N, C-alpha and C. Protein backbone atom coordinates (compact mmCIF):
# COMPACT_ATOMS: atom_id res chain seq x y z
N MET A 1 -62.22 -3.39 19.99
CA MET A 1 -60.62 -3.51 19.89
C MET A 1 -59.78 -4.53 20.21
N VAL A 2 -58.85 -3.94 19.92
CA VAL A 2 -57.89 -5.29 19.53
C VAL A 2 -56.62 -5.52 19.98
N THR A 3 -56.24 -6.81 21.63
CA THR A 3 -55.06 -5.94 21.60
C THR A 3 -54.09 -7.40 21.19
N THR A 4 -52.75 -7.20 20.75
CA THR A 4 -51.45 -8.20 19.69
C THR A 4 -50.66 -7.88 20.96
N VAL A 5 -49.79 -9.43 20.95
CA VAL A 5 -48.79 -9.53 21.17
C VAL A 5 -47.52 -10.03 20.51
N ASP A 6 -46.42 -8.91 20.43
CA ASP A 6 -45.56 -9.37 18.88
C ASP A 6 -44.57 -9.12 20.04
N GLU A 7 -43.18 -9.17 19.38
CA GLU A 7 -41.49 -9.94 19.80
C GLU A 7 -41.61 -8.45 20.77
N GLU A 8 -42.07 -6.75 20.48
CA GLU A 8 -41.38 -6.06 20.85
C GLU A 8 -42.53 -5.67 21.79
N GLY A 9 -43.66 -6.03 21.52
CA GLY A 9 -44.59 -5.15 23.19
C GLY A 9 -46.43 -5.56 22.42
N LEU A 10 -46.90 -5.34 23.43
CA LEU A 10 -48.23 -4.76 23.86
C LEU A 10 -48.75 -4.21 22.32
N ARG A 11 -49.80 -4.51 21.19
CA ARG A 11 -50.24 -3.47 20.09
C ARG A 11 -51.79 -3.26 20.64
N ILE A 12 -52.10 -2.00 21.24
CA ILE A 12 -53.44 -2.51 21.25
C ILE A 12 -54.23 -1.02 20.33
N GLN A 13 -55.16 -1.85 19.32
CA GLN A 13 -55.88 -0.66 18.23
C GLN A 13 -56.93 -0.50 18.29
N PHE A 14 -57.41 0.31 18.21
CA PHE A 14 -58.93 1.51 19.13
C PHE A 14 -59.80 0.75 18.00
N PRO A 15 -60.85 1.37 18.30
CA PRO A 15 -62.14 1.17 17.03
C PRO A 15 -62.23 2.18 16.54
N PHE A 16 -63.16 1.60 15.27
CA PHE A 16 -63.41 3.43 14.52
C PHE A 16 -62.33 4.07 14.37
N GLY A 17 -61.28 3.13 13.74
CA GLY A 17 -59.77 4.17 12.88
C GLY A 17 -59.86 5.58 14.14
N ARG A 18 -59.34 4.90 16.02
CA ARG A 18 -59.19 5.99 16.71
C ARG A 18 -57.19 5.90 17.39
N GLY A 19 -57.12 5.06 16.30
CA GLY A 19 -55.40 4.86 16.12
C GLY A 19 -55.27 3.72 17.73
N GLN A 20 -53.70 3.79 17.94
CA GLN A 20 -52.95 2.28 18.61
C GLN A 20 -52.32 2.82 19.95
N LYS A 21 -52.34 2.46 21.18
CA LYS A 21 -51.32 1.91 21.85
C LYS A 21 -50.34 1.00 21.88
N SER A 22 -49.02 1.03 21.35
CA SER A 22 -48.09 0.75 21.77
C SER A 22 -46.94 0.79 23.07
N ILE A 23 -46.67 -0.90 23.76
CA ILE A 23 -46.55 -0.85 25.30
C ILE A 23 -44.88 -1.96 24.20
N ARG A 24 -43.99 -1.84 24.48
CA ARG A 24 -42.96 -2.37 24.71
C ARG A 24 -42.27 -3.40 25.96
N PHE A 25 -41.67 -4.55 26.21
CA PHE A 25 -41.96 -5.57 27.05
C PHE A 25 -41.33 -4.76 28.10
N ASP A 26 -40.06 -4.10 28.14
CA ASP A 26 -38.85 -3.81 28.48
C ASP A 26 -39.34 -2.26 29.52
N GLN A 27 -40.57 -1.99 29.20
CA GLN A 27 -41.51 -0.75 30.03
C GLN A 27 -42.59 -1.37 31.38
N ILE A 28 -42.11 -2.93 30.66
CA ILE A 28 -43.33 -3.39 31.86
C ILE A 28 -42.51 -4.10 33.47
N VAL A 29 -42.94 -3.50 34.28
CA VAL A 29 -42.38 -3.74 35.42
C VAL A 29 -42.90 -4.54 36.57
N LYS A 30 -44.07 -5.21 36.28
CA LYS A 30 -45.28 -5.88 36.72
C LYS A 30 -46.45 -5.27 36.16
N TRP A 31 -46.84 -6.78 36.10
CA TRP A 31 -48.28 -7.21 35.72
C TRP A 31 -48.93 -8.22 36.66
N GLU A 32 -50.24 -8.09 36.20
CA GLU A 32 -50.96 -9.18 37.78
C GLU A 32 -52.73 -8.98 36.76
N VAL A 33 -53.01 -10.63 37.24
CA VAL A 33 -54.88 -10.37 36.31
C VAL A 33 -56.00 -9.58 37.75
N VAL A 34 -56.49 -9.00 37.22
CA VAL A 34 -57.53 -7.69 38.75
C VAL A 34 -58.84 -8.83 37.53
N ARG A 35 -59.55 -7.70 38.50
CA ARG A 35 -60.76 -8.08 38.77
C ARG A 35 -61.07 -6.28 38.96
N TYR A 36 -61.82 -5.32 38.16
CA TYR A 36 -62.44 -4.34 38.39
C TYR A 36 -63.89 -4.52 38.70
N GLN A 37 -64.28 -2.84 38.83
CA GLN A 37 -65.30 -2.36 39.11
C GLN A 37 -65.46 -1.02 37.94
N THR A 38 -66.20 -0.62 37.07
CA THR A 38 -66.45 0.08 36.77
C THR A 38 -68.27 1.49 37.64
N GLY A 39 -66.99 2.56 38.16
CA GLY A 39 -68.23 2.39 39.02
C GLY A 39 -68.73 3.80 37.76
N GLY A 40 -69.49 4.00 36.67
CA GLY A 40 -70.46 4.96 36.64
C GLY A 40 -68.79 5.94 34.97
N PHE A 41 -69.33 6.68 34.75
CA PHE A 41 -69.31 8.03 33.70
C PHE A 41 -68.22 8.23 35.12
N TRP A 42 -68.35 9.33 36.24
CA TRP A 42 -67.91 10.24 36.67
C TRP A 42 -66.77 9.33 37.85
N ARG A 43 -67.18 8.07 38.01
CA ARG A 43 -66.11 7.56 39.01
C ARG A 43 -65.34 7.04 37.92
N GLY A 44 -65.65 6.83 37.19
CA GLY A 44 -63.95 5.85 36.41
C GLY A 44 -64.24 4.89 37.14
N VAL A 45 -63.02 4.11 37.14
CA VAL A 45 -62.50 2.45 37.09
C VAL A 45 -61.72 2.27 38.19
N GLY A 46 -62.42 1.30 39.43
CA GLY A 46 -61.51 0.25 40.40
C GLY A 46 -60.85 -0.64 40.46
N ALA A 47 -60.06 -0.65 40.50
CA ALA A 47 -58.96 -1.87 40.14
C ALA A 47 -57.86 -2.19 41.70
N PRO A 48 -57.72 -3.37 42.42
CA PRO A 48 -56.57 -3.23 42.91
C PRO A 48 -55.28 -3.19 42.20
N GLY A 49 -54.42 -2.26 43.29
CA GLY A 49 -53.55 -1.88 42.51
C GLY A 49 -53.53 -0.23 41.44
N LEU A 50 -54.23 0.15 40.74
CA LEU A 50 -54.53 0.66 40.29
C LEU A 50 -54.95 2.22 40.97
N GLU A 51 -53.63 3.01 40.81
CA GLU A 51 -53.65 4.19 40.98
C GLU A 51 -53.70 5.65 40.69
N PHE A 52 -53.04 6.23 40.90
CA PHE A 52 -53.01 7.77 40.01
C PHE A 52 -51.59 7.45 39.85
N PRO A 53 -50.54 7.56 39.31
CA PRO A 53 -51.52 8.29 37.46
C PRO A 53 -52.28 6.63 36.43
N SER A 54 -53.23 6.71 36.51
CA SER A 54 -53.42 5.32 35.84
C SER A 54 -54.27 5.54 34.09
N CYS A 55 -54.81 4.49 33.48
CA CYS A 55 -56.13 5.17 32.86
C CYS A 55 -55.66 2.90 32.37
N ALA A 56 -57.19 3.25 32.01
CA ALA A 56 -57.93 2.19 31.91
C ALA A 56 -58.12 2.04 30.33
N ILE A 57 -58.31 0.87 29.36
CA ILE A 57 -58.30 0.70 28.00
C ILE A 57 -59.57 -0.66 28.31
N ARG A 58 -60.62 -0.62 27.50
CA ARG A 58 -61.35 -1.00 26.89
C ARG A 58 -62.08 -2.00 28.92
N VAL A 59 -63.03 -0.61 28.85
CA VAL A 59 -63.25 -1.57 30.59
C VAL A 59 -64.31 -1.65 30.67
N GLN A 60 -65.23 -3.14 29.64
CA GLN A 60 -65.68 -4.07 29.19
C GLN A 60 -65.95 -5.09 30.03
N GLY A 61 -67.29 -5.09 30.69
CA GLY A 61 -66.44 -6.82 31.72
C GLY A 61 -66.08 -6.17 32.94
N ASN A 62 -65.36 -7.20 33.85
CA ASN A 62 -64.66 -6.89 34.95
C ASN A 62 -63.80 -7.93 35.37
N ARG A 63 -62.87 -8.16 34.04
CA ARG A 63 -61.54 -8.33 34.27
C ARG A 63 -60.84 -7.83 33.63
N GLY A 64 -59.38 -8.37 33.73
CA GLY A 64 -58.25 -7.70 32.78
C GLY A 64 -57.04 -8.17 33.69
N VAL A 65 -56.47 -7.52 32.91
CA VAL A 65 -54.32 -7.42 32.99
C VAL A 65 -54.14 -5.58 33.61
N ARG A 66 -54.03 -5.27 35.01
CA ARG A 66 -53.21 -4.44 35.32
C ARG A 66 -51.62 -3.94 35.24
N LEU A 67 -50.97 -3.25 34.34
CA LEU A 67 -49.60 -2.96 34.05
C LEU A 67 -48.84 -2.28 35.03
N ASP A 68 -47.74 -2.47 35.39
CA ASP A 68 -47.03 -0.44 36.78
C ASP A 68 -45.87 -0.99 34.93
N LEU A 69 -46.34 0.18 34.89
CA LEU A 69 -44.83 0.53 33.54
C LEU A 69 -44.07 1.13 34.33
N ASN A 70 -42.67 1.62 33.85
CA ASN A 70 -41.27 1.84 34.65
C ASN A 70 -41.44 3.81 34.91
N ASP A 71 -42.54 4.00 33.88
CA ASP A 71 -42.34 5.42 34.16
C ASP A 71 -43.69 5.96 35.02
N GLY A 72 -43.58 4.78 35.81
CA GLY A 72 -45.08 5.05 37.30
C GLY A 72 -45.89 4.68 37.14
N LEU A 73 -46.51 4.50 35.22
CA LEU A 73 -48.03 4.84 34.73
C LEU A 73 -48.46 3.42 35.31
N HIS A 74 -49.76 3.07 35.59
CA HIS A 74 -50.50 2.12 36.13
C HIS A 74 -51.39 1.79 34.45
N LEU A 75 -51.73 0.33 34.21
CA LEU A 75 -52.56 0.96 32.81
C LEU A 75 -52.99 -0.36 33.49
N LEU A 76 -54.56 -0.54 32.57
CA LEU A 76 -55.70 -1.64 32.63
C LEU A 76 -56.35 -1.68 31.56
N ILE A 77 -56.28 -3.12 31.15
CA ILE A 77 -56.39 -3.90 29.56
C ILE A 77 -57.59 -4.51 30.39
N GLY A 78 -58.64 -4.04 29.74
CA GLY A 78 -60.03 -5.14 30.16
C GLY A 78 -59.75 -6.25 29.23
N SER A 79 -60.28 -7.45 29.23
CA SER A 79 -60.19 -9.03 28.69
C SER A 79 -60.61 -10.26 28.89
N GLN A 80 -61.09 -10.39 27.75
CA GLN A 80 -62.05 -11.54 27.71
C GLN A 80 -61.31 -12.79 28.74
N GLU A 81 -60.06 -12.88 28.18
CA GLU A 81 -59.24 -13.88 28.73
C GLU A 81 -58.21 -13.09 29.02
N PRO A 82 -57.83 -12.90 30.26
CA PRO A 82 -56.78 -11.85 30.89
C PRO A 82 -55.72 -12.74 31.55
N GLU A 83 -56.41 -14.69 31.69
CA GLU A 83 -54.79 -15.37 32.01
C GLU A 83 -54.34 -14.99 30.92
N ARG A 84 -54.67 -15.41 29.70
CA ARG A 84 -53.96 -15.63 29.06
C ARG A 84 -52.88 -14.84 28.06
N LEU A 85 -53.63 -13.67 28.20
CA LEU A 85 -52.71 -11.99 28.22
C LEU A 85 -51.59 -12.09 29.65
N ALA A 86 -51.74 -12.20 30.74
CA ALA A 86 -50.90 -12.18 31.20
C ALA A 86 -49.74 -13.18 31.20
N ALA A 87 -49.70 -14.52 30.98
CA ALA A 87 -49.28 -15.66 30.58
C ALA A 87 -48.09 -14.93 29.20
N LEU A 88 -49.02 -14.70 28.45
CA LEU A 88 -48.24 -13.86 26.92
C LEU A 88 -47.44 -12.59 27.20
N ILE A 89 -47.49 -11.80 27.93
CA ILE A 89 -46.78 -11.17 28.68
C ILE A 89 -45.30 -11.87 29.61
N ALA A 90 -45.78 -12.49 30.60
CA ALA A 90 -44.53 -13.30 30.98
C ALA A 90 -43.36 -13.91 30.15
N GLU A 91 -44.03 -14.66 29.50
CA GLU A 91 -43.18 -15.48 28.61
C GLU A 91 -42.63 -14.27 27.91
N HIS A 92 -42.91 -13.50 27.12
CA HIS A 92 -42.28 -12.16 26.03
C HIS A 92 -40.63 -11.59 26.94
N ARG A 93 -41.76 -10.99 28.29
CA ARG A 93 -41.09 -10.17 28.74
C ARG A 93 -39.57 -11.05 29.08
N ILE A 94 -40.23 -12.51 29.62
CA ILE A 94 -38.95 -13.12 29.85
C ILE A 94 -38.15 -13.40 29.32
N ALA A 95 -38.30 -13.11 27.98
CA ALA A 95 -37.41 -13.54 27.11
C ALA A 95 -36.53 -12.60 26.27
N VAL A 96 -37.28 -10.93 26.11
CA VAL A 96 -36.53 -10.14 27.00
C VAL A 96 -35.30 -9.32 27.93
N SER A 97 -35.69 -9.77 28.78
CA SER A 97 -34.43 -9.43 29.58
C SER A 97 -34.06 -11.48 29.44
N THR A 98 -34.21 -11.87 29.01
CA THR A 98 -32.92 -13.14 29.40
C THR A 98 -32.17 -12.75 27.65
N VAL A 99 -32.80 -11.13 26.78
CA VAL A 99 -31.93 -11.13 25.97
C VAL A 99 -30.43 -9.69 26.31
N VAL A 100 -30.94 -8.62 27.10
CA VAL A 100 -31.60 -7.75 27.38
C VAL A 100 -29.90 -8.12 28.78
N GLY A 101 -30.71 -9.21 29.82
CA GLY A 101 -29.73 -9.18 30.84
C GLY A 101 -28.51 -10.60 30.94
């Protein structure tokens, strides 16, 4: 899976032609680097602030970025470089709020 950041938002490309998920920066209310635990097939993923409704993307490893979206969804994106991803989100999110506000 590949997560890219551009001027419009995040794009998460799923492997094996399973499509992609796009998240615009203006949808992101809060973001935070978190450690998480995978609880096996039935228990899902546990992370600070990850509550219903939530979705976990690429939960290999134990670190990622939790996003709180303006529609109430909590999204966890696993990453080998979560600090870098969070910094890119912050940089672009500030740019979006400056243009809009």
